[in-house]
Structure formats: C-alpha cells, structure tokens
Amino acid sequence: MSTTSVARPLPGASLDGVDIDAVEGRLHSWELVTALDGPGTRLVTWVTGCSLRCQYCHNPDTWDVGGGTPVTVGEHARRLVRYRSFLRASGGGVTISGGEPLMQPAFTAAFLRRAKELDLHTALDTSGYLGARASDELLDDVDLVLLDVKSSDPATYKRVTARALAPTLRFAERLAERGNRTWIRFVLVPGLTDEAGNVAGVARIAAALGPVVERVEVLPYHSMGRSKYERMGLPYPLEGTPAPTAEQAERARDAFRAHGLTTY
C-alpha cells in the first residue's frame, strides 16, 4: 500500500490550557466488558454519531450525534476513578467507541487525556473514515487503535457503508507512519464481504502496514441488533442473511494468516 499521500489531521484546538473536565459530549452508554474491545477488562464508552451506515451495524441507535445524554469529561471520568484499580489489575483500561468517536473529536481527545492522566490503557475504536479529525495530540494519548477495515474493494466498501474506502486507507497509513499500535477488525458477512478476493485484499492492506498491526480479528456477522431496527421503524438491511459457519470464518482467518498476520 502506497504511503505517498498520507492524510494529515485537520487543524484543531490544542488541549493546552483547556479545562478538559468541562468538555462536553453526547454519551450513548458505557459498560464494563472483558475480552472485547481491547486487552483485559475495559470500561467501554459508546458515544453518539456516525457518518457511516454499515448494513450490519448493530447499534443504529448511535447514529444521531444529537442523541444520547449530555455529559462532561469530568462527570464520566468519575467512573474511571471508581474502577481504576480494577481495570489496571486486569490488564485492561478504557475504550472509546460508538457510533464513531471521531464525530466528537473534542470530547474524545479530552476523555483520552483524562484516562492517561489516571494511568489507564486507552483504546480508540474507529472506522478511520473520519481519521483526519484525529489530531496528532489525540493519537498521542491512544495506546491502541481498533481499526475497522470493512472491505478492500471500493465498490464493496461503498455498498457496505454508503461511504468511500479511501479515507480509511489514508488513516491506516498515517497510523503506520506514526507507529500507533493497531488491531485490524474485519466483519465477515456471507454474500457481502466474504468473497475470497475481498478477504485477501484486506489481508494485503493489513500486512502492508507493517509491525504496527499486532493482530487481526475476524468478526463473524450476527443479527443481534435486528430488534433495534424494528423499534426504530427501520428496515433491516441484511434480512435473511445467515451468520457465517465456523468453517467459513476459519477460512477467512487463514487468508490473513497466509500473510503472516496473527489472527483471531
């Protein structure tokens, strides 16, 4: 993958001199989870707002950036203080997810800074589509990026997300240039993302990023979010799509392993 046109962050306000506890965002929910969204037990924060419309999204209730509950970094950070010892003892930390955290870059940056000040491991779960909104200052406070690469083929990516692939690739190249530790995530959907050439293409993208990619997670599609679409009066985009079999998922993982990638 070429690194000749790595995207640079958009100009943004520095956190220097900012009362980060007063920075406000919109929170969908939070939860303590284990063995998901990064190492150890983690306090995962889901913020609202997403510019993608992934067909397999299981959180359509996070799409509206104006939804959720207003919260300041200081208010939410009280939870970090409460669980700090437990999170550190488990080898875990904090993950900010969504939605898309980079829809709220000021809140995300301030929250990550507060987590680092509490000596907690931090992870950013992002599609990379809005990677240009992530300042270098924000990324300096990220210990691990969970980067969703939804397809290697631009047409398939647009079919999956209704958006373009290129911004995610530019962000991935920027992470590689900076040396940000990264886990690549790929959702395997029968009839949508499981074509062998598409899977191999994502593997090539991940391998080209070099040693910053510590692992790849192949996530089998599931329809557990279907009830949310019903409650919201939205048609479910993948009606009738089955989950991949264990054999299909393992075949996809083998495609990544063939490129020397540690894959789960």
Protein backbone atom coordinates (compact mmCIF):
# COMPACT_ATOMS: atom_id res chain seq x y z
CA MET A 1 0.00 0.00 0.00
CA SER A 2 1.43 3.36 -1.01
CA THR A 3 2.37 5.81 1.71
CA THR A 4 2.93 8.75 -0.60
CA SER A 5 -0.30 10.55 0.26
CA VAL A 6 -0.77 10.05 3.99
CA ALA A 7 -3.62 12.22 5.28
CA ARG A 8 -2.70 14.89 7.80
CA PRO A 9 -5.02 15.89 10.62
CA LEU A 10 -7.27 18.86 10.23
CA PRO A 11 -6.27 21.90 12.28
CA GLY A 12 -7.81 21.71 15.73
CA ALA A 13 -7.66 23.32 19.10
CA SER A 14 -4.93 22.03 21.39
CA LEU A 15 -5.86 20.72 24.82
CA ASP A 16 -3.22 23.02 26.31
CA GLY A 17 -4.94 25.45 28.65
CA VAL A 18 -8.32 23.72 28.24
CA ASP A 19 -10.31 22.61 31.27
CA ILE A 20 -10.73 19.07 29.96
CA ASP A 21 -13.19 18.13 32.69
CA ALA A 22 -15.58 20.78 31.32
CA VAL A 23 -15.53 19.47 27.73
CA GLU A 24 -18.99 18.14 26.92
CA GLY A 25 -20.04 15.27 24.67
CA ARG A 26 -23.02 13.06 23.98
CA LEU A 27 -22.93 9.62 25.57
CA HIS A 28 -24.97 6.66 24.39
CA SER A 29 -23.91 4.21 27.11
CA TRP A 30 -20.99 2.62 28.93
CA GLU A 31 -20.25 -0.86 30.23
CA LEU A 32 -17.52 -2.95 31.83
CA VAL A 33 -16.59 -5.73 29.40
CA THR A 34 -13.97 -8.48 29.37
CA ALA A 35 -12.09 -9.93 26.39
CA LEU A 36 -13.68 -7.47 23.97
CA ASP A 37 -12.63 -4.09 22.58
CA GLY A 38 -9.02 -4.40 23.69
CA PRO A 39 -6.98 -6.30 26.28
CA GLY A 40 -8.22 -7.11 29.77
CA THR A 41 -11.38 -5.80 31.37
CA ARG A 42 -12.34 -2.44 29.93
CA LEU A 43 -14.70 0.40 30.58
CA VAL A 44 -16.14 0.84 27.10
CA THR A 45 -17.76 4.19 26.34
CA TRP A 46 -20.14 4.41 23.39
CA VAL A 47 -20.63 7.95 22.10
CA THR A 48 -23.28 9.01 19.60
CA GLY A 49 -22.88 9.99 15.99
CA CYS A 50 -21.72 8.06 12.94
CA SER A 51 -21.35 9.10 9.31
CA LEU A 52 -21.32 5.52 8.02
CA ARG A 53 -24.41 3.40 7.51
CA CYS A 54 -23.00 -0.11 7.66
CA GLN A 55 -25.51 -2.73 6.59
CA TYR A 56 -24.53 -4.96 9.51
CA CYS A 57 -24.49 -2.20 12.14
CA HIS A 58 -25.94 -3.48 15.41
CA ASN A 59 -26.12 -0.04 17.03
CA PRO A 60 -28.30 2.13 14.74
CA ASP A 61 -29.42 3.94 17.88
CA THR A 62 -25.98 5.58 17.97
CA TRP A 63 -26.16 7.16 14.50
CA ASP A 64 -27.62 10.51 15.55
CA VAL A 65 -24.88 12.70 17.02
CA GLY A 66 -27.56 14.71 18.82
CA GLY A 67 -28.92 11.65 20.56
CA GLY A 68 -27.73 10.22 23.82
CA THR A 69 -27.12 12.00 27.10
CA PRO A 70 -25.05 15.17 27.52
CA VAL A 71 -22.06 14.53 29.77
CA THR A 72 -18.84 16.30 30.63
CA VAL A 73 -15.49 14.56 30.69
CA GLY A 74 -15.30 15.24 34.42
CA GLU A 75 -18.65 13.58 35.07
CA HIS A 76 -17.78 10.49 33.06
CA ALA A 77 -14.24 10.34 34.44
CA ARG A 78 -15.64 9.71 37.91
CA ARG A 79 -16.38 6.20 36.66
CA LEU A 80 -12.76 5.80 35.65
CA VAL A 81 -11.68 6.78 39.15
CA ARG A 82 -14.16 4.32 40.68
CA TYR A 83 -12.94 1.36 38.58
CA ARG A 84 -9.31 2.39 38.06
CA SER A 85 -7.71 -0.18 40.38
CA PHE A 86 -9.84 -3.00 38.99
CA LEU A 87 -9.10 -2.05 35.38
CA ARG A 88 -5.37 -1.82 36.00
CA ALA A 89 -5.27 -5.11 37.91
CA SER A 90 -6.95 -6.91 35.00
CA GLY A 91 -4.51 -5.53 32.44
CA GLY A 92 -7.38 -3.59 30.92
CA GLY A 93 -8.30 0.04 30.57
CA VAL A 94 -10.62 2.33 28.65
CA THR A 95 -12.04 2.04 25.13
CA ILE A 96 -13.98 4.81 23.42
CA SER A 97 -16.32 3.55 20.72
CA GLY A 98 -19.65 4.40 19.13
CA GLY A 99 -21.09 5.28 16.84
CA GLU A 100 -17.86 6.88 15.75
CA PRO A 101 -15.76 8.64 18.41
CA LEU A 102 -14.26 10.98 15.82
CA MET A 103 -17.70 12.51 15.28
CA GLN A 104 -16.97 14.09 18.68
CA PRO A 105 -13.22 14.73 18.44
CA ALA A 106 -13.02 17.33 21.22
CA PHE A 107 -14.76 15.09 23.77
CA THR A 108 -12.80 12.05 22.61
CA ALA A 109 -9.46 13.85 22.89
CA ALA A 110 -10.27 15.25 26.33
CA PHE A 111 -11.56 11.92 27.63
CA LEU A 112 -8.47 10.08 26.41
CA ARG A 113 -6.25 12.69 28.05
CA ARG A 114 -8.05 12.28 31.38
CA ALA A 115 -7.70 8.48 31.12
CA LYS A 116 -3.96 8.79 30.50
CA GLU A 117 -3.63 11.13 33.47
CA LEU A 118 -5.19 8.31 35.52
CA ASP A 119 -2.54 5.96 34.10
CA LEU A 120 -5.09 3.83 32.25
CA HIS A 121 -4.53 1.98 28.99
CA THR A 122 -6.55 3.64 26.21
CA ALA A 123 -8.08 2.30 23.00
CA LEU A 124 -9.85 4.11 20.17
CA ASP A 125 -12.40 2.05 18.22
CA THR A 126 -12.89 3.70 14.82
CA SER A 127 -13.71 3.06 11.18
CA GLY A 128 -10.99 5.53 10.22
CA TYR A 129 -13.34 7.31 7.83
CA LEU A 130 -13.05 10.50 9.91
CA GLY A 131 -9.38 9.94 10.70
CA ALA A 132 -8.49 13.45 9.54
CA ARG A 133 -10.36 14.72 12.61
CA ALA A 134 -7.93 12.96 14.93
CA SER A 135 -5.12 15.37 15.82
CA ASP A 136 -1.66 14.03 16.50
CA GLU A 137 -2.23 15.19 20.08
CA LEU A 138 -5.30 12.92 20.33
CA LEU A 139 -3.42 9.96 18.86
CA ASP A 140 -0.53 10.52 21.26
CA ASP A 141 -2.98 9.62 24.05
CA VAL A 142 -4.07 6.38 22.35
CA ASP A 143 -2.29 3.16 23.32
CA LEU A 144 -4.21 1.01 20.84
CA VAL A 145 -6.31 1.70 17.75
CA LEU A 146 -9.06 -0.78 16.88
CA LEU A 147 -9.41 -0.07 13.16
CA ASP A 148 -12.41 -1.48 11.29
CA VAL A 149 -11.46 -2.24 7.70
CA LYS A 150 -14.78 -3.24 6.22
CA SER A 151 -13.64 -4.12 2.69
CA SER A 152 -10.63 -3.85 0.40
CA ASP A 153 -12.73 -3.15 -2.69
CA PRO A 154 -14.03 0.43 -3.03
CA ALA A 155 -17.32 -0.68 -4.59
CA THR A 156 -17.96 -3.25 -1.86
CA TYR A 157 -16.97 -0.74 0.82
CA LYS A 158 -19.49 1.73 -0.53
CA ARG A 159 -22.15 -0.97 -0.68
CA VAL A 160 -21.43 -1.88 2.94
CA THR A 161 -21.15 1.64 4.38
CA ALA A 162 -22.56 4.12 1.81
CA ARG A 163 -19.17 5.87 2.02
CA ALA A 164 -15.73 5.78 0.34
CA LEU A 165 -12.86 3.48 1.31
CA ALA A 166 -10.00 5.93 0.65
CA PRO A 167 -10.20 7.94 3.92
CA THR A 168 -9.82 4.75 5.98
CA LEU A 169 -6.77 3.71 3.98
CA ARG A 170 -5.19 7.14 4.41
CA PHE A 171 -5.78 6.97 8.15
CA ALA A 172 -4.30 3.47 8.30
CA GLU A 173 -1.17 4.71 6.55
CA ARG A 174 -0.92 7.59 8.99
CA LEU A 175 -1.12 5.19 11.93
CA ALA A 176 1.65 3.11 10.40
CA GLU A 177 3.82 6.17 9.86
CA ARG A 178 3.27 7.30 13.46
CA GLY A 179 3.82 3.82 14.89
CA ASN A 180 0.43 3.57 16.59
CA ARG A 181 -0.26 0.03 17.80
CA THR A 182 -3.24 -1.26 15.82
CA TRP A 183 -5.65 -4.18 15.77
CA ILE A 184 -7.45 -4.62 12.46
CA ARG A 185 -11.07 -5.73 12.62
CA PHE A 186 -12.95 -7.26 9.71
CA VAL A 187 -16.60 -8.32 9.79
CA LEU A 188 -17.29 -11.42 7.70
CA VAL A 189 -20.76 -11.25 6.12
CA PRO A 190 -21.89 -14.03 3.76
CA GLY A 191 -22.78 -12.61 0.37
CA LEU A 192 -21.40 -9.16 1.23
CA THR A 193 -17.78 -9.18 2.44
CA ASP A 194 -16.83 -12.86 2.26
CA GLU A 195 -15.69 -13.04 -1.37
CA ALA A 196 -12.20 -14.57 -1.37
CA GLY A 197 -10.61 -11.70 -3.29
CA ASN A 198 -12.07 -9.15 -0.89
CA VAL A 199 -10.80 -11.01 2.17
CA ALA A 200 -7.35 -11.41 0.61
CA GLY A 201 -7.35 -7.71 -0.21
CA VAL A 202 -8.00 -6.72 3.41
CA ALA A 203 -5.19 -9.09 4.41
CA ARG A 204 -2.84 -7.33 2.00
CA ILE A 205 -3.82 -3.93 3.42
CA ALA A 206 -3.15 -5.12 6.96
CA ALA A 207 0.17 -6.73 6.06
CA ALA A 208 1.37 -3.62 4.20
CA LEU A 209 1.01 -1.55 7.36
CA GLY A 210 3.89 -3.46 8.91
CA PRO A 211 4.64 -4.19 12.56
CA VAL A 212 2.12 -1.70 14.00
CA VAL A 213 -0.57 -4.29 13.22
CA GLU A 214 -0.37 -6.61 16.21
CA ARG A 215 -3.36 -8.74 15.37
CA VAL A 216 -6.39 -9.14 13.12
CA GLU A 217 -9.83 -10.02 14.43
CA VAL A 218 -12.25 -11.67 12.01
CA LEU A 219 -15.69 -11.00 13.45
CA PRO A 220 -18.50 -13.24 12.18
CA TYR A 221 -21.65 -11.32 11.28
CA HIS A 222 -24.60 -11.64 13.63
CA SER A 223 -28.11 -10.18 13.61
CA MET A 224 -28.42 -9.41 17.32
CA GLY A 225 -29.11 -5.75 16.58
CA ARG A 226 -32.15 -6.53 14.44
CA SER A 227 -34.63 -5.69 17.19
CA LYS A 228 -33.25 -2.15 17.39
CA TYR A 229 -34.17 -1.56 13.75
CA GLU A 230 -37.69 -2.78 14.48
CA ARG A 231 -38.03 -0.44 17.46
CA MET A 232 -36.76 2.47 15.36
CA GLY A 233 -39.10 1.63 12.46
CA LEU A 234 -36.17 0.97 10.11
CA PRO A 235 -35.89 -1.88 7.59
CA TYR A 236 -33.19 -4.37 8.50
CA PRO A 237 -30.68 -4.26 5.59
CA LEU A 238 -29.50 -7.87 5.85
CA GLU A 239 -32.83 -9.63 6.32
CA GLY A 240 -32.32 -13.33 5.65
CA THR A 241 -28.51 -13.19 5.72
CA PRO A 242 -27.13 -16.12 7.73
CA ALA A 243 -24.20 -15.96 10.10
CA PRO A 244 -21.05 -17.47 8.58
CA THR A 245 -20.29 -21.05 9.53
CA ALA A 246 -17.30 -21.85 11.70
CA GLU A 247 -15.59 -23.24 8.61
CA GLN A 248 -16.17 -20.02 6.64
CA ALA A 249 -14.80 -17.91 9.48
CA GLU A 250 -11.72 -20.08 9.85
CA ARG A 251 -11.10 -19.96 6.09
CA ALA A 252 -11.13 -16.17 6.27
CA ARG A 253 -8.72 -16.22 9.22
CA ASP A 254 -6.39 -18.48 7.25
CA ALA A 255 -6.33 -15.88 4.46
CA PHE A 256 -4.90 -13.37 6.95
CA ARG A 257 -2.51 -15.88 8.46
CA ALA A 258 -1.16 -16.56 4.97
CA HIS A 259 0.20 -13.00 5.08
CA GLY A 260 1.95 -13.62 8.38
CA LEU A 261 -0.70 -11.87 10.48
CA THR A 262 -1.64 -13.03 13.96
CA THR A 263 -5.35 -13.62 13.55
CA TYR A 264 -8.25 -14.49 15.82
